[in-house]
Amino acid sequence: MNQIALCVRFTLRDGAGEAFDELVRQAAAAVLEHEPGTLVYACSAVEGAPNERLVFELYADRAAFDEHVRQPHVRHFLSESEKYAEKTEVDHLRPYAGKYPSGST
């Protein structure tokens, strides 16, 4: 598999949840519309941790990931998210087994 995946954990500042969630919704809509190589862009609240958010990202390959990073909506999300997140942790993953969306290799 040549897929690339990320798991990003955002620890939000108190009271920033709604604004951050709206920022993520906007980014996710743009990813859906403009990024065919982004196979999964899933955002989740963490049960029992109201200031935590997880974003799981799966890309068809390195080119799809590089294209994602170049997008204006991604650059906007990254700069704006700094207003709401006091900590951001990124795990770079290498998928090797599992069930993936159709069309992925």
PDB file of N, CA and C in Angstrom:
ATOM      1  N   MET A   1       0.839  -1.197   0.000  1.00  0.00           N
ATOM      2  CA  MET A   1       0.000   0.000   0.000  1.00  0.00           C
ATOM      3  C   MET A   1       0.869   1.240   0.000  1.00  0.00           C
ATOM      4  N   ASN A   2       0.488   2.196  -0.786  1.00  0.00           N
ATOM      5  CA  ASN A   2       1.198   3.471  -0.818  1.00  0.00           C
ATOM      6  C   ASN A   2       0.421   4.573  -0.116  1.00  0.00           C
ATOM      7  N   GLN A   3      -0.639   4.198   0.584  1.00  0.00           N
ATOM      8  CA  GLN A   3      -1.471   5.198   1.238  1.00  0.00           C
ATOM      9  C   GLN A   3      -0.721   5.875   2.379  1.00  0.00           C
ATOM     10  N   ILE A   4      -1.142   7.074   2.657  1.00  0.00           N
ATOM     11  CA  ILE A   4      -0.597   7.851   3.768  1.00  0.00           C
ATOM     12  C   ILE A   4      -1.765   8.227   4.662  1.00  0.00           C
ATOM     13  N   ALA A   5      -1.558   8.123   5.957  1.00  0.00           N
ATOM     14  CA  ALA A   5      -2.618   8.477   6.906  1.00  0.00           C
ATOM     15  C   ALA A   5      -2.048   9.301   8.046  1.00  0.00           C
ATOM     16  N   LEU A   6      -2.902  10.134   8.596  1.00  0.00           N
ATOM     17  CA  LEU A   6      -2.562  10.933   9.766  1.00  0.00           C
ATOM     18  C   LEU A   6      -3.677  10.798  10.790  1.00  0.00           C
ATOM     19  N   CYS A   7      -3.303  10.856  12.042  1.00  0.00           N
ATOM     20  CA  CYS A   7      -4.254  11.022  13.121  1.00  0.00           C
ATOM     21  C   CYS A   7      -3.801  12.261  13.883  1.00  0.00           C
ATOM     22  N   VAL A   8      -4.658  13.272  13.911  1.00  0.00           N
ATOM     23  CA  VAL A   8      -4.304  14.546  14.525  1.00  0.00           C
ATOM     24  C   VAL A   8      -5.217  14.769  15.729  1.00  0.00           C
ATOM     25  N   ARG A   9      -4.607  15.006  16.883  1.00  0.00           N
ATOM     26  CA  ARG A   9      -5.356  15.301  18.105  1.00  0.00           C
ATOM     27  C   ARG A   9      -5.180  16.785  18.427  1.00  0.00           C
ATOM     28  N   PHE A  10      -6.319  17.460  18.515  1.00  0.00           N
ATOM     29  CA  PHE A  10      -6.334  18.869  18.914  1.00  0.00           C
ATOM     30  C   PHE A  10      -6.847  18.964  20.342  1.00  0.00           C
ATOM     31  N   THR A  11      -6.111  19.627  21.196  1.00  0.00           N
ATOM     32  CA  THR A  11      -6.586  19.965  22.537  1.00  0.00           C
ATOM     33  C   THR A  11      -6.981  21.432  22.481  1.00  0.00           C
ATOM     34  N   LEU A  12      -8.271  21.684  22.643  1.00  0.00           N
ATOM     35  CA  LEU A  12      -8.812  23.032  22.451  1.00  0.00           C
ATOM     36  C   LEU A  12      -8.766  23.856  23.723  1.00  0.00           C
ATOM     37  N   ARG A  13      -8.707  25.160  23.530  1.00  0.00           N
ATOM     38  CA  ARG A  13      -8.823  26.090  24.655  1.00  0.00           C
ATOM     39  C   ARG A  13     -10.265  26.029  25.175  1.00  0.00           C
ATOM     40  N   ASP A  14     -10.453  26.288  26.441  1.00  0.00           N
ATOM     41  CA  ASP A  14     -11.802  26.299  27.013  1.00  0.00           C
ATOM     42  C   ASP A  14     -12.699  27.250  26.218  1.00  0.00           C
ATOM     43  N   GLY A  15     -13.871  26.779  25.868  1.00  0.00           N
ATOM     44  CA  GLY A  15     -14.854  27.599  25.163  1.00  0.00           C
ATOM     45  C   GLY A  15     -14.652  27.687  23.658  1.00  0.00           C
ATOM     46  N   ALA A  16     -13.645  27.016  23.112  1.00  0.00           N
ATOM     47  CA  ALA A  16     -13.345  27.135  21.681  1.00  0.00           C
ATOM     48  C   ALA A  16     -14.005  26.054  20.826  1.00  0.00           C
ATOM     49  N   GLY A  17     -14.718  25.130  21.441  1.00  0.00           N
ATOM     50  CA  GLY A  17     -15.254  23.982  20.717  1.00  0.00           C
ATOM     51  C   GLY A  17     -16.137  24.328  19.538  1.00  0.00           C
ATOM     52  N   GLU A  18     -17.123  25.184  19.738  1.00  0.00           N
ATOM     53  CA  GLU A  18     -18.060  25.498  18.650  1.00  0.00           C
ATOM     54  C   GLU A  18     -17.357  26.151  17.470  1.00  0.00           C
ATOM     55  N   ALA A  19     -16.489  27.109  17.750  1.00  0.00           N
ATOM     56  CA  ALA A  19     -15.781  27.804  16.665  1.00  0.00           C
ATOM     57  C   ALA A  19     -14.844  26.849  15.926  1.00  0.00           C
ATOM     58  N   PHE A  20     -14.154  26.004  16.664  1.00  0.00           N
ATOM     59  CA  PHE A  20     -13.260  25.034  16.036  1.00  0.00           C
ATOM     60  C   PHE A  20     -14.059  24.051  15.188  1.00  0.00           C
ATOM     61  N   ASP A  21     -15.162  23.563  15.718  1.00  0.00           N
ATOM     62  CA  ASP A  21     -15.985  22.607  14.982  1.00  0.00           C
ATOM     63  C   ASP A  21     -16.505  23.202  13.681  1.00  0.00           C
ATOM     64  N   GLU A  22     -16.867  24.460  13.695  1.00  0.00           N
ATOM     65  CA  GLU A  22     -17.322  25.119  12.460  1.00  0.00           C
ATOM     66  C   GLU A  22     -16.167  25.235  11.467  1.00  0.00           C
ATOM     67  N   LEU A  23     -14.983  25.571  11.945  1.00  0.00           N
ATOM     68  CA  LEU A  23     -13.806  25.639  11.082  1.00  0.00           C
ATOM     69  C   LEU A  23     -13.540  24.274  10.438  1.00  0.00           C
ATOM     70  N   VAL A  24     -13.662  23.211  11.212  1.00  0.00           N
ATOM     71  CA  VAL A  24     -13.457  21.859  10.686  1.00  0.00           C
ATOM     72  C   VAL A  24     -14.533  21.520   9.656  1.00  0.00           C
ATOM     73  N   ARG A  25     -15.783  21.876   9.928  1.00  0.00           N
ATOM     74  CA  ARG A  25     -16.856  21.599   8.957  1.00  0.00           C
ATOM     75  C   ARG A  25     -16.570  22.276   7.615  1.00  0.00           C
ATOM     76  N   GLN A  26     -16.097  23.512   7.654  1.00  0.00           N
ATOM     77  CA  GLN A  26     -15.764  24.226   6.423  1.00  0.00           C
ATOM     78  C   GLN A  26     -14.617  23.540   5.686  1.00  0.00           C
ATOM     79  N   ALA A  27     -13.595  23.145   6.428  1.00  0.00           N
ATOM     80  CA  ALA A  27     -12.452  22.461   5.805  1.00  0.00           C
ATOM     81  C   ALA A  27     -12.895  21.128   5.207  1.00  0.00           C
ATOM     82  N   ALA A  28     -13.703  20.378   5.942  1.00  0.00           N
ATOM     83  CA  ALA A  28     -14.158  19.072   5.464  1.00  0.00           C
ATOM     84  C   ALA A  28     -14.990  19.214   4.184  1.00  0.00           C
ATOM     85  N   ALA A  29     -15.832  20.226   4.118  1.00  0.00           N
ATOM     86  CA  ALA A  29     -16.632  20.450   2.910  1.00  0.00           C
ATOM     87  C   ALA A  29     -15.726  20.749   1.712  1.00  0.00           C
ATOM     88  N   ALA A  30     -14.701  21.546   1.917  1.00  0.00           N
ATOM     89  CA  ALA A  30     -13.772  21.876   0.828  1.00  0.00           C
ATOM     90  C   ALA A  30     -12.955  20.650   0.421  1.00  0.00           C
ATOM     91  N   VAL A  31     -12.549  19.838   1.384  1.00  0.00           N
ATOM     92  CA  VAL A  31     -11.827  18.598   1.075  1.00  0.00           C
ATOM     93  C   VAL A  31     -12.710  17.700   0.219  1.00  0.00           C
ATOM     94  N   LEU A  32     -13.955  17.545   0.601  1.00  0.00           N
ATOM     95  CA  LEU A  32     -14.888  16.707  -0.147  1.00  0.00           C
ATOM     96  C   LEU A  32     -15.049  17.208  -1.584  1.00  0.00           C
ATOM     97  N   GLU A  33     -15.130  18.503  -1.760  1.00  0.00           N
ATOM     98  CA  GLU A  33     -15.369  19.086  -3.078  1.00  0.00           C
ATOM     99  C   GLU A  33     -14.135  19.095  -3.975  1.00  0.00           C
ATOM    100  N   HIS A  34     -12.953  19.312  -3.391  1.00  0.00           N
ATOM    101  CA  HIS A  34     -11.765  19.596  -4.205  1.00  0.00           C
ATOM    102  C   HIS A  34     -10.657  18.550  -4.158  1.00  0.00           C
ATOM    103  N   GLU A  35     -10.787  17.504  -3.354  1.00  0.00           N
ATOM    104  CA  GLU A  35      -9.661  16.594  -3.160  1.00  0.00           C
ATOM    105  C   GLU A  35     -10.040  15.128  -3.391  1.00  0.00           C
ATOM    106  N   PRO A  36     -10.077  14.692  -4.629  1.00  0.00           N
ATOM    107  CA  PRO A  36     -10.433  13.295  -4.897  1.00  0.00           C
ATOM    108  C   PRO A  36      -9.425  12.289  -4.314  1.00  0.00           C
ATOM    109  N   GLY A  37      -8.195  12.691  -4.112  1.00  0.00           N
ATOM    110  CA  GLY A  37      -7.186  11.796  -3.564  1.00  0.00           C
ATOM    111  C   GLY A  37      -7.223  11.670  -2.056  1.00  0.00           C
ATOM    112  N   THR A  38      -8.052  12.507  -1.410  1.00  0.00           N
ATOM    113  CA  THR A  38      -8.252  12.363   0.026  1.00  0.00           C
ATOM    114  C   THR A  38      -9.396  11.384   0.209  1.00  0.00           C
ATOM    115  N   LEU A  39      -9.067  10.201   0.669  1.00  0.00           N
ATOM    116  CA  LEU A  39     -10.045   9.121   0.761  1.00  0.00           C
ATOM    117  C   LEU A  39     -10.906   9.223   2.016  1.00  0.00           C
ATOM    118  N   VAL A  40     -10.311   9.682   3.112  1.00  0.00           N
ATOM    119  CA  VAL A  40     -11.028   9.855   4.376  1.00  0.00           C
ATOM    120  C   VAL A  40     -10.537  11.136   5.022  1.00  0.00           C
ATOM    121  N   TYR A  41     -11.472  11.944   5.485  1.00  0.00           N
ATOM    122  CA  TYR A  41     -11.174  13.132   6.290  1.00  0.00           C
ATOM    123  C   TYR A  41     -12.270  13.160   7.345  1.00  0.00           C
ATOM    124  N   ALA A  42     -12.027  12.469   8.443  1.00  0.00           N
ATOM    125  CA  ALA A  42     -13.059  12.240   9.455  1.00  0.00           C
ATOM    126  C   ALA A  42     -12.703  12.967  10.741  1.00  0.00           C
ATOM    127  N   CYS A  43     -13.638  13.771  11.213  1.00  0.00           N
ATOM    128  CA  CYS A  43     -13.432  14.588  12.404  1.00  0.00           C
ATOM    129  C   CYS A  43     -14.353  14.095  13.512  1.00  0.00           C
ATOM    130  N   SER A  44     -13.800  13.970  14.707  1.00  0.00           N
ATOM    131  CA  SER A  44     -14.584  13.424  15.818  1.00  0.00           C
ATOM    132  C   SER A  44     -14.305  14.162  17.112  1.00  0.00           C
ATOM    133  N   ALA A  45     -15.356  14.313  17.909  1.00  0.00           N
ATOM    134  CA  ALA A  45     -15.184  14.733  19.299  1.00  0.00           C
ATOM    135  C   ALA A  45     -14.781  13.478  20.072  1.00  0.00           C
ATOM    136  N   VAL A  46     -14.122  13.676  21.203  1.00  0.00           N
ATOM    137  CA  VAL A  46     -13.675  12.551  22.018  1.00  0.00           C
ATOM    138  C   VAL A  46     -14.601  12.433  23.223  1.00  0.00           C
ATOM    139  N   GLU A  47     -15.259  11.292  23.335  1.00  0.00           N
ATOM    140  CA  GLU A  47     -16.188  11.065  24.429  1.00  0.00           C
ATOM    141  C   GLU A  47     -15.475  11.233  25.774  1.00  0.00           C
ATOM    142  N   GLY A  48     -16.079  12.023  26.643  1.00  0.00           N
ATOM    143  CA  GLY A  48     -15.521  12.235  27.972  1.00  0.00           C
ATOM    144  C   GLY A  48     -14.402  13.271  28.029  1.00  0.00           C
ATOM    145  N   ALA A  49     -14.045  13.855  26.886  1.00  0.00           N
ATOM    146  CA  ALA A  49     -12.986  14.871  26.827  1.00  0.00           C
ATOM    147  C   ALA A  49     -13.481  16.020  25.945  1.00  0.00           C
ATOM    148  N   PRO A  50     -14.276  16.940  26.512  1.00  0.00           N
ATOM    149  CA  PRO A  50     -14.941  17.963  25.701  1.00  0.00           C
ATOM    150  C   PRO A  50     -14.004  18.903  24.938  1.00  0.00           C
ATOM    151  N   ASN A  51     -12.757  18.998  25.341  1.00  0.00           N
ATOM    152  CA  ASN A  51     -11.815  19.883  24.643  1.00  0.00           C
ATOM    153  C   ASN A  51     -10.888  19.135  23.692  1.00  0.00           C
ATOM    154  N   GLU A  52     -11.210  17.884  23.405  1.00  0.00           N
ATOM    155  CA  GLU A  52     -10.380  17.086  22.502  1.00  0.00           C
ATOM    156  C   GLU A  52     -11.122  16.823  21.197  1.00  0.00           C
ATOM    157  N   ARG A  53     -10.386  16.903  20.108  1.00  0.00           N
ATOM    158  CA  ARG A  53     -10.904  16.544  18.792  1.00  0.00           C
ATOM    159  C   ARG A  53      -9.862  15.694  18.084  1.00  0.00           C
ATOM    160  N   LEU A  54     -10.321  14.695  17.341  1.00  0.00           N
ATOM    161  CA  LEU A  54      -9.451  13.861  16.521  1.00  0.00           C
ATOM    162  C   LEU A  54      -9.842  14.016  15.061  1.00  0.00           C
ATOM    163  N   VAL A  55      -8.847  14.097  14.211  1.00  0.00           N
ATOM    164  CA  VAL A  55      -9.072  14.112  12.769  1.00  0.00           C
ATOM    165  C   VAL A  55      -8.250  12.970  12.186  1.00  0.00           C
ATOM    166  N   PHE A  56      -8.942  12.050  11.501  1.00  0.00           N
ATOM    167  CA  PHE A  56      -8.261  10.953  10.816  1.00  0.00           C
ATOM    168  C   PHE A  56      -8.278  11.273   9.337  1.00  0.00           C
ATOM    169  N   GLU A  57      -7.105  11.222   8.714  1.00  0.00           N
ATOM    170  CA  GLU A  57      -6.965  11.552   7.305  1.00  0.00           C
ATOM    171  C   GLU A  57      -6.298  10.380   6.592  1.00  0.00           C
ATOM    172  N   LEU A  58      -6.863  10.002   5.445  1.00  0.00           N
ATOM    173  CA  LEU A  58      -6.297   8.925   4.638  1.00  0.00           C
ATOM    174  C   LEU A  58      -6.184   9.419   3.197  1.00  0.00           C
ATOM    175  N   TYR A  59      -4.979   9.305   2.652  1.00  0.00           N
ATOM    176  CA  TYR A  59      -4.691   9.780   1.302  1.00  0.00           C
ATOM    177  C   TYR A  59      -4.313   8.606   0.412  1.00  0.00           C
ATOM    178  N   ALA A  60      -4.707   8.663  -0.852  1.00  0.00           N
ATOM    179  CA  ALA A  60      -4.433   7.582  -1.792  1.00  0.00           C
ATOM    180  C   ALA A  60      -2.932   7.321  -1.925  1.00  0.00           C
ATOM    181  N   ASP A  61      -2.135   8.398  -1.862  1.00  0.00           N
ATOM    182  CA  ASP A  61      -0.686   8.263  -2.025  1.00  0.00           C
ATOM    183  C   ASP A  61      -0.029   9.591  -1.641  1.00  0.00           C
ATOM    184  N   ARG A  62       1.278   9.652  -1.778  1.00  0.00           N
ATOM    185  CA  ARG A  62       2.037  10.852  -1.423  1.00  0.00           C
ATOM    186  C   ARG A  62       1.584  12.059  -2.243  1.00  0.00           C
ATOM    187  N   ALA A  63       1.302  11.869  -3.518  1.00  0.00           N
ATOM    188  CA  ALA A  63       0.863  12.981  -4.368  1.00  0.00           C
ATOM    189  C   ALA A  63      -0.445  13.573  -3.851  1.00  0.00           C
ATOM    190  N   ALA A  64      -1.372  12.728  -3.423  1.00  0.00           N
ATOM    191  CA  ALA A  64      -2.652  13.215  -2.882  1.00  0.00           C
ATOM    192  C   ALA A  64      -2.428  13.991  -1.588  1.00  0.00           C
ATOM    193  N   PHE A  65      -1.539  13.500  -0.744  1.00  0.00           N
ATOM    194  CA  PHE A  65      -1.231  14.217   0.490  1.00  0.00           C
ATOM    195  C   PHE A  65      -0.596  15.570   0.179  1.00  0.00           C
ATOM    196  N   ASP A  66       0.373  15.583  -0.732  1.00  0.00           N
ATOM    197  CA  ASP A  66       1.030  16.839  -1.104  1.00  0.00           C
ATOM    198  C   ASP A  66       0.029  17.842  -1.674  1.00  0.00           C
ATOM    199  N   GLU A  67      -0.918  17.343  -2.477  1.00  0.00           N
ATOM    200  CA  GLU A  67      -1.956  18.216  -3.035  1.00  0.00           C
ATOM    201  C   GLU A  67      -2.839  18.778  -1.919  1.00  0.00           C
ATOM    202  N   HIS A  68      -3.174  17.948  -0.951  1.00  0.00           N
ATOM    203  CA  HIS A  68      -3.970  18.395   0.200  1.00  0.00           C
ATOM    204  C   HIS A  68      -3.277  19.555   0.914  1.00  0.00           C
ATOM    205  N   VAL A  69      -2.016  19.398   1.195  1.00  0.00           N
ATOM    206  CA  VAL A  69      -1.258  20.410   1.950  1.00  0.00           C
ATOM    207  C   VAL A  69      -1.196  21.733   1.194  1.00  0.00           C
ATOM    208  N   ARG A  70      -1.207  21.680  -0.132  1.00  0.00           N
ATOM    209  CA  ARG A  70      -1.118  22.903  -0.946  1.00  0.00           C
ATOM    210  C   ARG A  70      -2.438  23.677  -1.036  1.00  0.00           C
ATOM    211  N   GLN A  71      -3.537  23.063  -0.668  1.00  0.00           N
ATOM    212  CA  GLN A  71      -4.854  23.687  -0.851  1.00  0.00           C
ATOM    213  C   GLN A  71      -5.031  24.925   0.025  1.00  0.00           C
ATOM    214  N   PRO A  72      -5.629  25.987  -0.512  1.00  0.00           N
ATOM    215  CA  PRO A  72      -5.866  27.200   0.286  1.00  0.00           C
ATOM    216  C   PRO A  72      -6.745  26.940   1.504  1.00  0.00           C
ATOM    217  N   HIS A  73      -7.743  26.045   1.380  1.00  0.00           N
ATOM    218  CA  HIS A  73      -8.615  25.787   2.530  1.00  0.00           C
ATOM    219  C   HIS A  73      -7.851  25.078   3.646  1.00  0.00           C
ATOM    220  N   VAL A  74      -6.855  24.297   3.310  1.00  0.00           N
ATOM    221  CA  VAL A  74      -6.047  23.628   4.338  1.00  0.00           C
ATOM    222  C   VAL A  74      -5.138  24.639   5.023  1.00  0.00           C
ATOM    223  N   ARG A  75      -4.504  25.494   4.247  1.00  0.00           N
ATOM    224  CA  ARG A  75      -3.646  26.535   4.848  1.00  0.00           C
ATOM    225  C   ARG A  75      -4.469  27.449   5.747  1.00  0.00           C
ATOM    226  N   HIS A  76      -5.690  27.784   5.312  1.00  0.00           N
ATOM    227  CA  HIS A  76      -6.577  28.604   6.147  1.00  0.00           C
ATOM    228  C   HIS A  76      -6.922  27.872   7.444  1.00  0.00           C
ATOM    229  N   PHE A  77      -7.284  26.590   7.339  1.00  0.00           N
ATOM    230  CA  PHE A  77      -7.611  25.817   8.522  1.00  0.00           C
ATOM    231  C   PHE A  77      -6.437  25.784   9.492  1.00  0.00           C
ATOM    232  N   LEU A  78      -5.245  25.522   8.993  1.00  0.00           N
ATOM    233  CA  LEU A  78      -4.085  25.414   9.873  1.00  0.00           C
ATOM    234  C   LEU A  78      -3.788  26.727  10.593  1.00  0.00           C
ATOM    235  N   SER A  79      -3.882  27.833   9.882  1.00  0.00           N
ATOM    236  CA  SER A  79      -3.593  29.117  10.543  1.00  0.00           C
ATOM    237  C   SER A  79      -4.690  29.498  11.530  1.00  0.00           C
ATOM    238  N   GLU A  80      -5.953  29.261  11.177  1.00  0.00           N
ATOM    239  CA  GLU A  80      -7.060  29.611  12.066  1.00  0.00           C
ATOM    240  C   GLU A  80      -7.161  28.682  13.271  1.00  0.00           C
ATOM    241  N   SER A  81      -6.809  27.410  13.093  1.00  0.00           N
ATOM    242  CA  SER A  81      -6.931  26.454  14.199  1.00  0.00           C
ATOM    243  C   SER A  81      -6.027  26.834  15.365  1.00  0.00           C
ATOM    244  N   GLU A  82      -4.963  27.563  15.099  1.00  0.00           N
ATOM    245  CA  GLU A  82      -4.067  27.999  16.173  1.00  0.00           C
ATOM    246  C   GLU A  82      -4.782  28.891  17.180  1.00  0.00           C
ATOM    247  N   LYS A  83      -5.839  29.576  16.760  1.00  0.00           N
ATOM    248  CA  LYS A  83      -6.621  30.423  17.664  1.00  0.00           C
ATOM    249  C   LYS A  83      -7.374  29.595  18.700  1.00  0.00           C
ATOM    250  N   TYR A  84      -7.724  28.362  18.321  1.00  0.00           N
ATOM    251  CA  TYR A  84      -8.607  27.542  19.141  1.00  0.00           C
ATOM    252  C   TYR A  84      -7.907  26.388  19.858  1.00  0.00           C
ATOM    253  N   ALA A  85      -6.788  25.949  19.321  1.00  0.00           N
ATOM    254  CA  ALA A  85      -6.093  24.786  19.888  1.00  0.00           C
ATOM    255  C   ALA A  85      -4.883  25.219  20.699  1.00  0.00           C
ATOM    256  N   GLU A  86      -4.804  24.719  21.913  1.00  0.00           N
ATOM    257  CA  GLU A  86      -3.613  25.006  22.716  1.00  0.00           C
ATOM    258  C   GLU A  86      -2.530  23.964  22.478  1.00  0.00           C
ATOM    259  N   LYS A  87      -2.922  22.825  21.892  1.00  0.00           N
ATOM    260  CA  LYS A  87      -1.954  21.775  21.594  1.00  0.00           C
ATOM    261  C   LYS A  87      -2.438  20.978  20.392  1.00  0.00           C
ATOM    262  N   THR A  88      -1.511  20.637  19.502  1.00  0.00           N
ATOM    263  CA  THR A  88      -1.814  19.818  18.341  1.00  0.00           C
ATOM    264  C   THR A  88      -0.771  18.710  18.252  1.00  0.00           C
ATOM    265  N   GLU A  89      -1.236  17.475  18.207  1.00  0.00           N
ATOM    266  CA  GLU A  89      -0.339  16.325  18.102  1.00  0.00           C
ATOM    267  C   GLU A  89      -0.664  15.575  16.814  1.00  0.00           C
ATOM    268  N   VAL A  90       0.364  15.273  16.020  1.00  0.00           N
ATOM    269  CA  VAL A  90       0.167  14.595  14.743  1.00  0.00           C
ATOM    270  C   VAL A  90       0.928  13.272  14.756  1.00  0.00           C
ATOM    271  N   ASP A  91       0.204  12.198  14.483  1.00  0.00           N
ATOM    272  CA  ASP A  91       0.822  10.892  14.276  1.00  0.00           C
ATOM    273  C   ASP A  91       0.737  10.571  12.792  1.00  0.00           C
ATOM    274  N   HIS A  92       1.883  10.323  12.170  1.00  0.00           N
ATOM    275  CA  HIS A  92       1.942   9.894  10.771  1.00  0.00           C
ATOM    276  C   HIS A  92       1.854   8.381  10.761  1.00  0.00           C
ATOM    277  N   LEU A  93       0.881   7.856  10.024  1.00  0.00           N
ATOM    278  CA  LEU A  93       0.591   6.432  10.029  1.00  0.00           C
ATOM    279  C   LEU A  93       0.919   5.816   8.672  1.00  0.00           C
ATOM    280  N   ARG A  94       1.215   4.539   8.654  1.00  0.00           N
ATOM    281  CA  ARG A  94       1.431   3.789   7.420  1.00  0.00           C
ATOM    282  C   ARG A  94       0.458   2.611   7.401  1.00  0.00           C
ATOM    283  N   PRO A  95      -0.710   2.796   6.790  1.00  0.00           N
ATOM    284  CA  PRO A  95      -1.693   1.706   6.751  1.00  0.00           C
ATOM    285  C   PRO A  95      -1.111   0.471   6.057  1.00  0.00           C
ATOM    286  N   TYR A  96      -1.419  -0.696   6.603  1.00  0.00           N
ATOM    287  CA  TYR A  96      -0.947  -1.930   5.981  1.00  0.00           C
ATOM    288  C   TYR A  96      -1.996  -3.033   5.940  1.00  0.00           C
ATOM    289  N   ALA A  97      -3.088  -2.878   6.679  1.00  0.00           N
ATOM    290  CA  ALA A  97      -4.152  -3.877   6.632  1.00  0.00           C
ATOM    291  C   ALA A  97      -5.439  -3.221   7.111  1.00  0.00           C
ATOM    292  N   GLY A  98      -6.558  -3.734   6.634  1.00  0.00           N
ATOM    293  CA  GLY A  98      -7.837  -3.217   7.099  1.00  0.00           C
ATOM    294  C   GLY A  98      -8.829  -3.046   5.973  1.00  0.00           C
ATOM    295  N   LYS A  99      -9.949  -2.478   6.300  1.00  0.00           N
ATOM    296  CA  LYS A  99     -11.023  -2.201   5.340  1.00  0.00           C
ATOM    297  C   LYS A  99     -10.965  -0.719   4.996  1.00  0.00           C
ATOM    298  N   TYR A 100     -10.874  -0.425   3.719  1.00  0.00           N
ATOM    299  CA  TYR A 100     -10.736   0.947   3.251  1.00  0.00           C
ATOM    300  C   TYR A 100     -11.838   1.282   2.263  1.00  0.00           C
ATOM    301  N   PRO A 101     -12.063   2.583   2.013  1.00  0.00           N
ATOM    302  CA  PRO A 101     -13.098   2.988   1.058  1.00  0.00           C
ATOM    303  C   PRO A 101     -12.830   2.393  -0.324  1.00  0.00           C
ATOM    304  N   SER A 102     -13.917   2.154  -1.049  1.00  0.00           N
ATOM    305  CA  SER A 102     -13.752   1.641  -2.412  1.00  0.00           C
ATOM    306  C   SER A 102     -12.980   2.663  -3.243  1.00  0.00           C
ATOM    307  N   GLY A 103     -12.194   2.168  -4.158  1.00  0.00           N
ATOM    308  CA  GLY A 103     -11.383   3.046  -4.994  1.00  0.00           C
ATOM    309  C   GLY A 103     -10.004   3.279  -4.425  1.00  0.00           C
ATOM    310  N   SER A 104      -9.754   2.881  -3.190  1.00  0.00           N
ATOM    311  CA  SER A 104      -8.420   3.058  -2.627  1.00  0.00           C
ATOM    312  C   SER A 104      -7.585   1.836  -2.938  1.00  0.00           C
ATOM    313  N   THR A 105      -6.287   2.038  -2.983  1.00  0.00           N
ATOM    314  CA  THR A 105      -5.382   0.920  -3.279  1.00  0.00           C
ATOM    315  C   THR A 105      -4.354   0.763  -2.204  1.00  0.00           C
TER     316      THR A 105
END
